[in-house]
C-alpha atoms as a PDB file:
ATOM      1  CA  MET A   1       0.000   0.000   0.000  1.00  0.00           C
ATOM      2  CA  SER A   2       2.745   2.467   0.954  1.00  0.00           C
ATOM      3  CA  ARG A   3       4.464   1.793  -2.373  1.00  0.00           C
ATOM      4  CA  LEU A   4       1.349   2.890  -4.234  1.00  0.00           C
ATOM      5  CA  VAL A   5       1.050   6.039  -2.149  1.00  0.00           C
ATOM      6  CA  ASN A   6       4.686   6.841  -2.953  1.00  0.00           C
ATOM      7  CA  LEU A   7       3.683   7.152  -6.609  1.00  0.00           C
ATOM      8  CA  TYR A   8       1.933  10.434  -5.774  1.00  0.00           C
ATOM      9  CA  PRO A   9       3.617  13.869  -5.722  1.00  0.00           C
ATOM     10  CA  ARG A  10       5.233  14.888  -2.436  1.00  0.00           C
ATOM     11  CA  ALA A  11       2.677  17.652  -1.781  1.00  0.00           C
ATOM     12  CA  TRP A  12      -0.180  15.197  -2.221  1.00  0.00           C
ATOM     13  CA  ARG A  13       1.414  12.656   0.136  1.00  0.00           C
ATOM     14  CA  ALA A  14       2.046  15.320   2.757  1.00  0.00           C
ATOM     15  CA  ARG A  15      -1.608  16.346   2.775  1.00  0.00           C
ATOM     16  CA  TYR A  16      -3.500  13.110   2.233  1.00  0.00           C
ATOM     17  CA  GLY A  17      -1.058  10.220   2.663  1.00  0.00           C
ATOM     18  CA  ASP A  18      -1.872   9.515   6.327  1.00  0.00           C
ATOM     19  CA  GLU A  19      -5.621   9.583   5.688  1.00  0.00           C
ATOM     20  CA  LEU A  20      -5.305   7.116   2.833  1.00  0.00           C
ATOM     21  CA  GLU A  21      -3.150   4.781   4.908  1.00  0.00           C
ATOM     22  CA  GLU A  22      -5.806   4.786   7.642  1.00  0.00           C
ATOM     23  CA  LEU A  23      -8.548   4.124   5.081  1.00  0.00           C
ATOM     24  CA  ALA A  24      -6.645   1.193   3.587  1.00  0.00           C
ATOM     25  CA  THR A  25      -6.020  -0.252   7.053  1.00  0.00           C
ATOM     26  CA  ALA A  26      -9.733  -0.077   7.912  1.00  0.00           C
ATOM     27  CA  ARG A  27     -10.855  -1.602   4.619  1.00  0.00           C
ATOM     28  CA  PRO A  28      -8.501  -3.235   2.064  1.00  0.00           C
ATOM     29  CA  LEU A  29      -8.776  -1.567  -1.320  1.00  0.00           C
ATOM     30  CA  GLY A  30      -8.403  -4.752  -3.394  1.00  0.00           C
ATOM     31  CA  LEU A  31      -7.374  -4.908  -7.040  1.00  0.00           C
ATOM     32  CA  GLY A  32      -9.825  -2.244  -8.186  1.00  0.00           C
ATOM     33  CA  GLY A  33      -8.659   0.160  -5.499  1.00  0.00           C
ATOM     34  CA  ALA A  34      -5.011  -0.452  -6.409  1.00  0.00           C
ATOM     35  CA  VAL A  35      -5.754   0.352 -10.054  1.00  0.00           C
ATOM     36  CA  ASP A  36      -7.573   3.515  -8.972  1.00  0.00           C
ATOM     37  CA  LEU A  37      -4.558   4.557  -6.917  1.00  0.00           C
ATOM     38  CA  MET A  38      -2.180   4.148  -9.848  1.00  0.00           C
ATOM     39  CA  LEU A  39      -4.460   6.041 -12.225  1.00  0.00           C
ATOM     40  CA  GLY A  40      -4.950   8.722  -9.578  1.00  0.00           C
ATOM     41  CA  ALA A  41      -1.168   9.065  -9.232  1.00  0.00           C
ATOM     42  CA  LEU A  42      -0.891   9.617 -12.970  1.00  0.00           C
ATOM     43  CA  ASP A  43      -3.595  12.287 -12.826  1.00  0.00           C
ATOM     44  CA  ALA A  44      -1.957  13.957  -9.812  1.00  0.00           C
ATOM     45  CA  HIS A  45       1.344  14.289 -11.682  1.00  0.00           C
ATOM     46  CA  ARG A  46      -0.433  15.665 -14.759  1.00  0.00           C
ATOM     47  CA  HIS A  47      -2.248  18.276 -12.652  1.00  0.00           C
ATOM     48  CA  PRO A  48       0.056  19.157  -9.754  1.00  0.00           C
ATOM     49  CA  GLU A  49      -1.984  22.283  -9.062  1.00  0.00           C
ATOM     50  CA  LEU A  50      -4.902  20.099  -7.966  1.00  0.00           C
ATOM     51  CA  VAL A  51      -4.241  18.581  -4.590  1.00  0.00           C
ATOM     52  CA  ASP A  52      -7.543  16.708  -4.335  1.00  0.00           C
ATOM     53  CA  PRO A  53      -8.340  13.437  -2.537  1.00  0.00           C
ATOM     54  CA  THR A  54     -10.819  12.493  -5.262  1.00  0.00           C
ATOM     55  CA  LEU A  55      -7.821  11.737  -7.477  1.00  0.00           C
ATOM     56  CA  VAL A  56      -7.621   8.339  -5.824  1.00  0.00           C
ATOM     57  CA  ALA A  57     -11.281   7.683  -6.625  1.00  0.00           C
ATOM     58  CA  VAL A  58     -12.269   7.087  -3.004  1.00  0.00           C
ATOM     59  CA  ALA A  59     -16.052   6.829  -3.126  1.00  0.00           C
ATOM     60  CA  VAL A  60     -17.524   9.488  -0.852  1.00  0.00           C
ATOM     61  CA  HIS A  61     -21.263   9.974  -1.362  1.00  0.00           C
ATOM     62  CA  GLU A  62     -22.403  13.296   0.011  1.00  0.00           C
ATOM     63  CA  PRO A  63     -26.101  13.706   0.842  1.00  0.00           C
ATOM     64  CA  VAL A  64     -28.232  14.897  -2.069  1.00  0.00           C
ATOM     65  CA  SER A  65     -31.645  16.485  -2.449  1.00  0.00           C
ATOM     66  CA  ARG A  66     -34.747  14.315  -2.601  1.00  0.00           C
ATOM     67  CA  ARG A  67     -35.272  15.167  -6.270  1.00  0.00           C
ATOM     68  CA  ARG A  68     -31.673  14.227  -7.114  1.00  0.00           C
ATOM     69  CA  TYR A  69     -32.067  11.008  -5.150  1.00  0.00           C
ATOM     70  CA  GLU A  70     -35.152  10.047  -7.168  1.00  0.00           C
ATOM     71  CA  ASP A  71     -33.243  10.742 -10.404  1.00  0.00           C
ATOM     72  CA  LEU A  72     -30.447   8.466  -9.204  1.00  0.00           C
ATOM     73  CA  ARG A  73     -32.996   5.768  -8.392  1.00  0.00           C
ATOM     74  CA  VAL A  74     -34.167   5.898 -12.013  1.00  0.00           C
ATOM     75  CA  ALA A  75     -30.530   5.660 -13.138  1.00  0.00           C
ATOM     76  CA  ARG A  76     -30.094   2.661 -10.853  1.00  0.00           C
ATOM     77  CA  ARG A  77     -33.043   0.842 -12.445  1.00  0.00           C
ATOM     78  CA  LEU A  78     -31.560   1.518 -15.869  1.00  0.00           C
ATOM     79  CA  GLY A  79     -28.273   0.126 -14.620  1.00  0.00           C
ATOM     80  CA  GLN A  80     -29.955  -3.033 -13.366  1.00  0.00           C
ATOM     81  CA  GLY A  81     -31.341  -3.517 -16.863  1.00  0.00           C
ATOM     82  CA  THR A  82     -27.821  -3.763 -18.259  1.00  0.00           C
ATOM     83  CA  PHE A  83     -27.303  -6.988 -16.304  1.00  0.00           C
ATOM     84  CA  VAL A  84     -30.188  -8.504 -18.257  1.00  0.00           C
ATOM     85  CA  GLY A  85     -28.545  -7.106 -21.386  1.00  0.00           C
ATOM     86  CA  ALA A  86     -25.323  -8.942 -20.510  1.00  0.00           C
ATOM     87  CA  VAL A  87     -27.232 -12.231 -20.405  1.00  0.00           C
ATOM     88  CA  LEU A  88     -28.799 -11.485 -23.796  1.00  0.00           C
ATOM     89  CA  LEU A  89     -25.339 -10.645 -25.110  1.00  0.00           C
ATOM     90  CA  VAL A  90     -24.269 -14.184 -24.253  1.00  0.00           C
ATOM     91  CA  ILE A  91     -27.326 -15.714 -25.908  1.00  0.00           C
ATOM     92  CA  ALA A  92     -27.061 -13.766 -29.180  1.00  0.00           C
ATOM     93  CA  PRO A  93     -23.755 -15.245 -30.476  1.00  0.00           C
ATOM     94  CA  ILE A  94     -24.862 -18.743 -29.470  1.00  0.00           C
ATOM     95  CA  VAL A  95     -28.035 -18.342 -31.530  1.00  0.00           C
ATOM     96  CA  ALA A  96     -26.074 -16.876 -34.450  1.00  0.00           C
ATOM     97  CA  LEU A  97     -23.506 -19.679 -34.474  1.00  0.00           C
ATOM     98  CA  ASN A  98     -26.290 -22.260 -34.605  1.00  0.00           C
ATOM     99  CA  GLY A  99     -28.016 -20.646 -37.574  1.00  0.00           C
ATOM    100  CA  PRO A 100     -28.336 -22.530 -40.872  1.00  0.00           C
ATOM    101  CA  VAL A 101     -25.491 -22.473 -43.404  1.00  0.00           C
ATOM    102  CA  VAL A 102     -26.572 -20.863 -46.668  1.00  0.00           C
ATOM    103  CA  LEU A 103     -24.851 -21.147 -50.047  1.00  0.00           C
ATOM    104  CA  ASP A 104     -24.868 -18.349 -52.604  1.00  0.00           C
ATOM    105  CA  GLY A 105     -22.706 -17.160 -55.474  1.00  0.00           C
ATOM    106  CA  ASP A 106     -19.980 -15.924 -53.098  1.00  0.00           C
ATOM    107  CA  GLY A 107     -19.736 -19.154 -51.115  1.00  0.00           C
ATOM    108  CA  ALA A 108     -21.185 -20.254 -47.792  1.00  0.00           C
ATOM    109  CA  TYR A 109     -22.297 -18.122 -44.872  1.00  0.00           C
ATOM    110  CA  ARG A 110     -24.213 -18.704 -41.673  1.00  0.00           C
ATOM    111  CA  ASP A 111     -27.623 -17.080 -41.376  1.00  0.00           C
ATOM    112  CA  GLY A 112     -27.625 -15.564 -37.893  1.00  0.00           C
ATOM    113  CA  MET A 113     -30.641 -13.279 -38.246  1.00  0.00           C
ATOM    114  CA  ALA A 114     -32.406 -15.170 -35.435  1.00  0.00           C
ATOM    115  CA  ALA A 115     -29.917 -13.505 -33.071  1.00  0.00           C
ATOM    116  CA  VAL A 116     -30.962  -9.972 -34.074  1.00  0.00           C
ATOM    117  CA  PRO A 117     -33.781  -9.638 -31.467  1.00  0.00           C
ATOM    118  CA  PHE A 118     -31.360 -10.646 -28.705  1.00  0.00           C
ATOM    119  CA  MET A 119     -28.692  -8.216 -29.892  1.00  0.00           C
ATOM    120  CA  LEU A 120     -31.225  -5.405 -30.284  1.00  0.00           C
ATOM    121  CA  ALA A 121     -32.537  -5.977 -26.752  1.00  0.00           C
ATOM    122  CA  ALA A 122     -28.989  -6.134 -25.355  1.00  0.00           C
ATOM    123  CA  MET A 123     -27.967  -2.899 -27.087  1.00  0.00           C
ATOM    124  CA  THR A 124     -31.194  -1.172 -26.057  1.00  0.00           C
ATOM    125  CA  LEU A 125     -30.607  -2.091 -22.410  1.00  0.00           C
ATOM    126  CA  LEU A 126     -27.016  -0.855 -22.669  1.00  0.00           C
ATOM    127  CA  SER A 127     -28.320   2.406 -24.135  1.00  0.00           C
ATOM    128  CA  GLY A 128     -30.613   2.684 -21.120  1.00  0.00           C
ATOM    129  CA  GLY A 129     -27.633   2.188 -18.843  1.00  0.00           C
ATOM    130  CA  LEU A 130     -25.739   4.935 -20.676  1.00  0.00           C
ATOM    131  CA  LEU A 131     -28.709   7.269 -20.234  1.00  0.00           C
ATOM    132  CA  GLY A 132     -28.538   6.383 -16.551  1.00  0.00           C
ATOM    133  CA  GLN A 133     -24.875   7.353 -16.596  1.00  0.00           C
ATOM    134  CA  LEU A 134     -25.802  10.734 -18.086  1.00  0.00           C
ATOM    135  CA  ILE A 135     -28.288  11.215 -15.255  1.00  0.00           C
ATOM    136  CA  ARG A 136     -25.605  10.318 -12.743  1.00  0.00           C
ATOM    137  CA  ILE A 137     -22.868  12.614 -14.062  1.00  0.00           C
ATOM    138  CA  GLY A 138     -25.266  15.548 -14.449  1.00  0.00           C
ATOM    139  CA  PRO A 139     -24.911  18.521 -16.820  1.00  0.00           C
ATOM    140  CA  GLY A 140     -21.664  19.461 -18.508  1.00  0.00           C
ATOM    141  CA  HIS A 141     -18.892  16.924 -19.183  1.00  0.00           C
ATOM    142  CA  ARG A 142     -19.289  17.296 -22.927  1.00  0.00           C
ATOM    143  CA  VAL A 143     -16.754  14.636 -23.912  1.00  0.00           C
ATOM    144  CA  ALA A 144     -18.391  11.930 -21.811  1.00  0.00           C
ATOM    145  CA  ARG A 145     -21.866  12.950 -22.967  1.00  0.00           C
ATOM    146  CA  ALA A 146     -20.847  12.987 -26.645  1.00  0.00           C
ATOM    147  CA  GLY A 147     -19.381   9.491 -26.377  1.00  0.00           C
ATOM    148  CA  ALA A 148     -22.459   8.145 -24.601  1.00  0.00           C
ATOM    149  CA  ILE A 149     -24.837   9.658 -27.165  1.00  0.00           C
ATOM    150  CA  LEU A 150     -22.774   8.220 -30.037  1.00  0.00           C
ATOM    151  CA  ALA A 151     -23.019   4.749 -28.486  1.00  0.00           C
ATOM    152  CA  VAL A 152     -26.742   5.158 -27.721  1.00  0.00           C
ATOM    153  CA  VAL A 153     -27.464   6.009 -31.369  1.00  0.00           C
ATOM    154  CA  CYS A 154     -25.093   3.624 -33.178  1.00  0.00           C
ATOM    155  CA  GLY A 155     -25.486   0.567 -30.926  1.00  0.00           C
ATOM    156  CA  PRO A 156     -29.162  -0.253 -31.590  1.00  0.00           C
ATOM    157  CA  LEU A 157     -28.793   0.690 -35.273  1.00  0.00           C
ATOM    158  CA  TRP A 158     -25.946  -1.794 -35.609  1.00  0.00           C
ATOM    159  CA  ALA A 159     -27.998  -4.486 -33.854  1.00  0.00           C
ATOM    160  CA  LEU A 160     -30.616  -4.170 -36.598  1.00  0.00           C
ATOM    161  CA  GLY A 161     -27.923  -4.833 -39.222  1.00  0.00           C
ATOM    162  CA  PRO A 162     -25.058  -6.814 -37.650  1.00  0.00           C
ATOM    163  CA  TRP A 163     -23.161  -6.833 -40.950  1.00  0.00           C
ATOM    164  CA  LEU A 164     -22.700  -3.043 -40.662  1.00  0.00           C
ATOM    165  CA  VAL A 165     -19.346  -3.289 -38.916  1.00  0.00           C
ATOM    166  CA  ALA A 166     -18.752   0.468 -39.217  1.00  0.00           C
ATOM    167  CA  LEU A 167     -21.742   1.183 -36.938  1.00  0.00           C
ATOM    168  CA  TRP A 168     -20.455  -1.391 -34.462  1.00  0.00           C
ATOM    169  CA  ALA A 169     -17.034   0.274 -34.423  1.00  0.00           C
ATOM    170  CA  LEU A 170     -18.615   3.707 -33.911  1.00  0.00           C
ATOM    171  CA  ALA A 171     -20.659   2.392 -30.966  1.00  0.00           C
ATOM    172  CA  LEU A 172     -17.515   0.981 -29.346  1.00  0.00           C
ATOM    173  CA  ALA A 173     -15.627   4.202 -30.024  1.00  0.00           C
ATOM    174  CA  GLY A 174     -18.430   6.110 -28.294  1.00  0.00           C
ATOM    175  CA  LEU A 175     -18.181   3.821 -25.274  1.00  0.00           C
ATOM    176  CA  VAL A 176     -14.419   4.358 -25.059  1.00  0.00           C
ATOM    177  CA  VAL A 177     -14.812   8.131 -25.343  1.00  0.00           C
ATOM    178  CA  PHE A 178     -17.522   8.114 -22.671  1.00  0.00           C
ATOM    179  CA  ALA A 179     -15.421   6.041 -20.260  1.00  0.00           C
ATOM    180  CA  VAL A 180     -12.286   8.133 -20.667  1.00  0.00           C
ATOM    181  CA  GLY A 181     -14.250  11.399 -20.484  1.00  0.00           C
ATOM    182  CA  ALA A 182     -16.142  10.320 -17.363  1.00  0.00           C
ATOM    183  CA  TRP A 183     -12.915   9.172 -15.723  1.00  0.00           C
ATOM    184  CA  ARG A 184     -11.122  12.421 -16.493  1.00  0.00           C
ATOM    185  CA  ALA A 185     -14.093  14.301 -15.036  1.00  0.00           C
ATOM    186  CA  ARG A 186     -13.777  12.103 -11.914  1.00  0.00           C
ATOM    187  CA  ASN A 187     -17.254  10.645 -12.420  1.00  0.00           C
ATOM    188  CA  LEU A 188     -15.980   7.131 -13.087  1.00  0.00           C
ATOM    189  CA  SER A 189     -13.362   5.146 -11.198  1.00  0.00           C
ATOM    190  CA  GLY A 190     -10.237   3.945 -12.938  1.00  0.00           C
ATOM    191  CA  ALA A 191     -11.258   0.303 -12.554  1.00  0.00           C
ATOM    192  CA  ALA A 192     -14.659   0.958 -14.169  1.00  0.00           C
ATOM    193  CA  MET A 193     -13.021   2.939 -16.962  1.00  0.00           C
ATOM    194  CA  LEU A 194     -10.657   0.063 -17.753  1.00  0.00           C
ATOM    195  CA  ALA A 195     -13.558  -2.415 -17.589  1.00  0.00           C
ATOM    196  CA  ILE A 196     -15.203  -0.460 -20.420  1.00  0.00           C
ATOM    197  CA  VAL A 197     -12.199   0.564 -22.514  1.00  0.00           C
ATOM    198  CA  THR A 198     -10.255  -2.712 -22.471  1.00  0.00           C
ATOM    199  CA  PRO A 199     -13.040  -4.991 -23.822  1.00  0.00           C
ATOM    200  CA  GLY A 200     -13.837  -2.419 -26.508  1.00  0.00           C
ATOM    201  CA  VAL A 201     -10.235  -2.291 -27.699  1.00  0.00           C
ATOM    202  CA  VAL A 202      -9.861  -6.093 -27.539  1.00  0.00           C
ATOM    203  CA  SER A 203     -13.090  -6.611 -29.473  1.00  0.00           C
ATOM    204  CA  ILE A 204     -12.070  -4.218 -32.234  1.00  0.00           C
ATOM    205  CA  ALA A 205      -8.657  -5.910 -32.416  1.00  0.00           C
ATOM    206  CA  ILE A 206     -10.271  -9.336 -32.870  1.00  0.00           C
ATOM    207  CA  VAL A 207     -12.386  -8.113 -35.787  1.00  0.00           C
ATOM    208  CA  ALA A 208      -9.412  -6.247 -37.302  1.00  0.00           C
ATOM    209  CA  VAL A 209      -7.383  -9.472 -37.265  1.00  0.00           C
ATOM    210  CA  GLY A 210     -10.190 -11.268 -39.106  1.00  0.00           C
ATOM    211  CA  ILE A 211     -10.408  -8.532 -41.736  1.00  0.00           C
ATOM    212  CA  GLN A 212      -6.616  -8.402 -42.148  1.00  0.00           C
ATOM    213  CA  ALA A 213      -6.434 -12.181 -42.548  1.00  0.00           C
ATOM    214  CA  GLN A 214      -9.234 -12.006 -45.138  1.00  0.00           C
ATOM    215  CA  ALA A 215     -11.147 -14.742 -43.339  1.00  0.00           C
ATOM    216  CA  ASP A 216     -14.041 -16.298 -45.224  1.00  0.00           C
ATOM    217  CA  ARG A 217     -17.549 -15.502 -44.094  1.00  0.00           C
ATOM    218  CA  LEU A 218     -17.983 -18.649 -41.996  1.00  0.00           C
ATOM    219  CA  HIS A 219     -14.762 -18.056 -40.040  1.00  0.00           C
ATOM    220  CA  PHE A 220     -15.435 -14.330 -39.757  1.00  0.00           C
ATOM    221  CA  VAL A 221     -18.773 -15.023 -38.056  1.00  0.00           C
ATOM    222  CA  ASN A 222     -16.927 -17.145 -35.490  1.00  0.00           C
ATOM    223  CA  LEU A 223     -14.438 -14.338 -34.817  1.00  0.00           C
ATOM    224  CA  PHE A 224     -17.237 -11.796 -34.580  1.00  0.00           C
ATOM    225  CA  ALA A 225     -19.058 -13.958 -32.029  1.00  0.00           C
ATOM    226  CA  VAL A 226     -15.920 -14.015 -29.880  1.00  0.00           C
ATOM    227  CA  ALA A 227     -15.588 -10.239 -30.275  1.00  0.00           C
ATOM    228  CA  ILE A 228     -19.169  -9.759 -29.049  1.00  0.00           C
ATOM    229  CA  LEU A 229     -18.666 -12.032 -26.047  1.00  0.00           C
ATOM    230  CA  ALA A 230     -15.564 -10.022 -25.128  1.00  0.00           C
ATOM    231  CA  LEU A 231     -17.847  -7.005 -24.593  1.00  0.00           C
ATOM    232  CA  ILE A 232     -19.741  -8.470 -21.621  1.00  0.00           C
ATOM    233  CA  PRO A 233     -17.665  -6.550 -18.998  1.00  0.00           C
ATOM    234  CA  ILE A 234     -18.912  -3.281 -20.531  1.00  0.00           C
ATOM    235  CA  TRP A 235     -22.544  -4.092 -19.711  1.00  0.00           C
ATOM    236  CA  LEU A 236     -21.574  -5.172 -16.210  1.00  0.00           C
ATOM    237  CA  ALA A 237     -19.431  -2.089 -15.530  1.00  0.00           C
ATOM    238  CA  ILE A 238     -22.090   0.347 -16.782  1.00  0.00           C
ATOM    239  CA  GLY A 239     -24.679  -1.297 -14.536  1.00  0.00           C
ATOM    240  CA  ALA A 240     -22.507  -1.760 -11.450  1.00  0.00           C
ATOM    241  CA  THR A 241     -21.492   1.912 -11.294  1.00  0.00           C
ATOM    242  CA  LEU A 242     -25.157   2.942 -11.191  1.00  0.00           C
ATOM    243  CA  LEU A 243     -26.117   0.768  -8.212  1.00  0.00           C
ATOM    244  CA  PRO A 244     -24.803   2.815  -5.222  1.00  0.00           C
ATOM    245  CA  LEU A 245     -27.209   5.438  -3.891  1.00  0.00           C
ATOM    246  CA  PRO A 246     -26.255   8.398  -1.662  1.00  0.00           C
ATOM    247  CA  GLU A 247     -28.117   9.588   1.404  1.00  0.00           C
ATOM    248  CA  VAL A 248     -30.810  12.251   1.202  1.00  0.00           C
ATOM    249  CA  GLN A 249     -30.210  15.701   2.659  1.00  0.00           C
ATOM    250  CA  GLY A 250     -32.229  16.278   5.794  1.00  0.00           C
ATOM    251  CA  ASP A 251     -33.356  12.657   6.010  1.00  0.00           C
ATOM    252  CA  PRO A 252     -34.480  12.306   9.637  1.00  0.00           C
ATOM    253  CA  GLY A 253     -33.638   8.625   9.759  1.00  0.00           C
ATOM    254  CA  PRO A 254     -35.689   5.719  11.113  1.00  0.00           C
ATOM    255  CA  ALA A 255     -35.599   6.809  14.756  1.00  0.00           C
ATOM    256  CA  VAL A 256     -36.989  10.273  14.107  1.00  0.00           C
ATOM    257  CA  GLU A 257     -39.552   8.892  11.654  1.00  0.00           C
ATOM    258  CA  SER A 258     -40.764   6.483  14.337  1.00  0.00           C
ATOM    259  CA  ASN A 259     -41.123   9.319  16.823  1.00  0.00           C
ATOM    260  CA  ARG A 260     -43.169  11.294  14.326  1.00  0.00           C
ATOM    261  CA  GLU A 261     -45.456   8.378  13.623  1.00  0.00           C
ATOM    262  CA  GLY A 262     -45.983   7.831  17.337  1.00  0.00           C
ATOM    263  CA  SER A 263     -46.669  11.470  18.173  1.00  0.00           C
ATOM    264  CA  THR A 264     -50.178  12.834  18.655  1.00  0.00           C
ATOM    265  CA  VAL A 265     -51.623  16.265  18.002  1.00  0.00           C
END
């Protein structure tokens, strides 16, 4: 732990090092926390003028207004939907790979159109999760919002025509832009950012290898199925980051509520 803290600038360590050590002693940070610390150290060196404890992505949920809390509850429901989308994302390639083989003038290909409803539902649920992310991050943050909107538009359109690889690549590019933008704005932890960016990059690389190797249509479908399965962590990360809810400002708590209910006029 102390080695990770030593990655930070001296001024940062002097101000926040002891607090972070105490936090880590009380509750181990784990792999995700270690990644956040390293990414936070990088950000602290890039912006030495900002001596801010949020650079280590320690989750501190300040109380919010009742209206904001209700908005976050809606975002949470949208996030829960992405878990269903992840299941559908597993089913879609399986259905596609079991489609009938069709012969035409250009050779053989596998008809995977039966998987389209599953892919469309999965992409729609991911789009809902991204809208939940926009609710969570609030106004501003134009880079993150632009990336999310690009993915929301291109993802479902691609699902309707899975052969339109350009739309698929644009949707993944939007997800990467959103994740990096939200992380830079300190609205997404480093671990969550990597859970979105890494599968997107790996998936694009898999398809690029198939195109470069000039794989026939049957083999390309197999590669594309693997590329789609590699995206599952994105659905899970989008949903998981929407689950935590903050406290409400001025919430009297259960004890006070009980007193009120028991009082008489």
